[in-house]
Amino acid sequence: MAKKDTVKALVKRGVSEEDALVLVTKFNTMGAIGESSPDEIVELGIPEDRAEEIIKAIRSKPSSSSPARTRKV
């Protein structure tokens, strides 16, 4: 996933674009951010309360703006 796509995915999950841009300076993927600790995110200058919210948002499924596809038989 390119950095631009990671930023878009973070924003879709409710992370501010500013925080998303900071996160992609250290983490290349959503998985890497989700596996990080709040302390690692705080080291980037993001407050601890937002760091915990970011990790929680990434570990949860993204909200879908379109209905699930069903397979026609």
C-alpha atoms as a PDB file:
ATOM      1  CA  MET A   1       0.000   0.000   0.000  1.00  0.00           C
ATOM      2  CA  ALA A   2       1.459   3.345  -1.030  1.00  0.00           C
ATOM      3  CA  LYS A   3       1.711   6.110   1.549  1.00  0.00           C
ATOM      4  CA  LYS A   4      -1.097   8.010  -0.165  1.00  0.00           C
ATOM      5  CA  ASP A   5      -3.356   4.965   0.124  1.00  0.00           C
ATOM      6  CA  THR A   6      -2.405   4.486   3.770  1.00  0.00           C
ATOM      7  CA  VAL A   7      -3.296   8.111   4.513  1.00  0.00           C
ATOM      8  CA  LYS A   8      -6.670   7.649   2.783  1.00  0.00           C
ATOM      9  CA  ALA A   9      -7.340   4.463   4.753  1.00  0.00           C
ATOM     10  CA  LEU A  10      -6.479   6.200   8.028  1.00  0.00           C
ATOM     11  CA  VAL A  11      -8.744   9.143   7.258  1.00  0.00           C
ATOM     12  CA  LYS A  12     -11.546   6.717   6.360  1.00  0.00           C
ATOM     13  CA  ARG A  13     -11.184   5.263   9.851  1.00  0.00           C
ATOM     14  CA  GLY A  14     -11.539   8.683  11.468  1.00  0.00           C
ATOM     15  CA  VAL A  15      -7.872   9.653  11.894  1.00  0.00           C
ATOM     16  CA  SER A  16      -7.164  13.287  11.063  1.00  0.00           C
ATOM     17  CA  GLU A  17      -5.213  13.881   7.881  1.00  0.00           C
ATOM     18  CA  GLU A  18      -2.529  15.677   9.915  1.00  0.00           C
ATOM     19  CA  ASP A  19      -2.045  12.661  12.200  1.00  0.00           C
ATOM     20  CA  ALA A  20      -2.144  10.302   9.213  1.00  0.00           C
ATOM     21  CA  LEU A  21       0.659  12.206   7.492  1.00  0.00           C
ATOM     22  CA  VAL A  22       2.750  12.012  10.666  1.00  0.00           C
ATOM     23  CA  LEU A  23       2.105   8.278  11.020  1.00  0.00           C
ATOM     24  CA  VAL A  24       3.245   7.417   7.496  1.00  0.00           C
ATOM     25  CA  THR A  25       6.638   9.019   8.176  1.00  0.00           C
ATOM     26  CA  LYS A  26       7.451   6.026  10.404  1.00  0.00           C
ATOM     27  CA  PHE A  27       4.958   3.297   9.494  1.00  0.00           C
ATOM     28  CA  ASN A  28       4.526   2.133   5.908  1.00  0.00           C
ATOM     29  CA  THR A  29       1.356   0.080   6.303  1.00  0.00           C
ATOM     30  CA  MET A  30      -1.859  -0.069   8.277  1.00  0.00           C
ATOM     31  CA  GLY A  31      -0.649  -3.346   9.742  1.00  0.00           C
ATOM     32  CA  ALA A  32       2.513  -1.733  11.057  1.00  0.00           C
ATOM     33  CA  ILE A  33       0.497   1.021  12.724  1.00  0.00           C
ATOM     34  CA  GLY A  34      -1.929  -1.502  14.211  1.00  0.00           C
ATOM     35  CA  GLU A  35       0.941  -3.544  15.629  1.00  0.00           C
ATOM     36  CA  SER A  36       2.623  -0.506  17.166  1.00  0.00           C
ATOM     37  CA  SER A  37       2.243   0.599  20.756  1.00  0.00           C
ATOM     38  CA  PRO A  38       0.745   3.921  21.831  1.00  0.00           C
ATOM     39  CA  ASP A  39       4.224   4.900  23.056  1.00  0.00           C
ATOM     40  CA  GLU A  40       5.655   4.547  19.539  1.00  0.00           C
ATOM     41  CA  ILE A  41       2.959   6.860  18.204  1.00  0.00           C
ATOM     42  CA  VAL A  42       3.459   9.346  21.049  1.00  0.00           C
ATOM     43  CA  GLU A  43       7.154   9.504  20.107  1.00  0.00           C
ATOM     44  CA  LEU A  44       6.019  10.988  16.780  1.00  0.00           C
ATOM     45  CA  GLY A  45       4.417  13.917  18.628  1.00  0.00           C
ATOM     46  CA  ILE A  46       0.833  12.656  18.715  1.00  0.00           C
ATOM     47  CA  PRO A  47      -0.827  12.950  22.171  1.00  0.00           C
ATOM     48  CA  GLU A  48      -1.356   9.701  24.071  1.00  0.00           C
ATOM     49  CA  ASP A  49      -5.162   9.863  24.023  1.00  0.00           C
ATOM     50  CA  ARG A  50      -5.188  10.228  20.230  1.00  0.00           C
ATOM     51  CA  ALA A  51      -2.543   7.512  19.871  1.00  0.00           C
ATOM     52  CA  GLU A  52      -4.807   5.051  21.682  1.00  0.00           C
ATOM     53  CA  GLU A  53      -7.798   6.106  19.558  1.00  0.00           C
ATOM     54  CA  ILE A  54      -5.754   5.640  16.372  1.00  0.00           C
ATOM     55  CA  ILE A  55      -4.697   2.114  17.305  1.00  0.00           C
ATOM     56  CA  LYS A  56      -8.270   1.235  18.282  1.00  0.00           C
ATOM     57  CA  ALA A  57      -9.579   2.597  14.962  1.00  0.00           C
ATOM     58  CA  ILE A  58      -7.024   0.654  12.942  1.00  0.00           C
ATOM     59  CA  ARG A  59      -7.633  -2.613  14.725  1.00  0.00           C
ATOM     60  CA  SER A  60     -11.376  -2.331  14.080  1.00  0.00           C
ATOM     61  CA  LYS A  61     -12.893  -2.893  10.655  1.00  0.00           C
ATOM     62  CA  PRO A  62     -13.368   0.198   8.484  1.00  0.00           C
ATOM     63  CA  SER A  63     -16.861   1.519   8.048  1.00  0.00           C
ATOM     64  CA  SER A  64     -18.137   0.606   4.635  1.00  0.00           C
ATOM     65  CA  SER A  65     -19.759   3.288   2.538  1.00  0.00           C
ATOM     66  CA  SER A  66     -21.191   0.753   0.126  1.00  0.00           C
ATOM     67  CA  PRO A  67     -23.326  -2.307   0.779  1.00  0.00           C
ATOM     68  CA  ALA A  68     -21.684  -5.703   0.788  1.00  0.00           C
ATOM     69  CA  ARG A  69     -21.656  -7.453  -2.533  1.00  0.00           C
ATOM     70  CA  THR A  70     -23.696 -10.553  -2.912  1.00  0.00           C
ATOM     71  CA  ARG A  71     -22.952 -13.215  -5.406  1.00  0.00           C
ATOM     72  CA  LYS A  72     -25.622 -13.889  -8.000  1.00  0.00           C
ATOM     73  CA  VAL A  73     -26.407 -17.514  -8.630  1.00  0.00           C
END
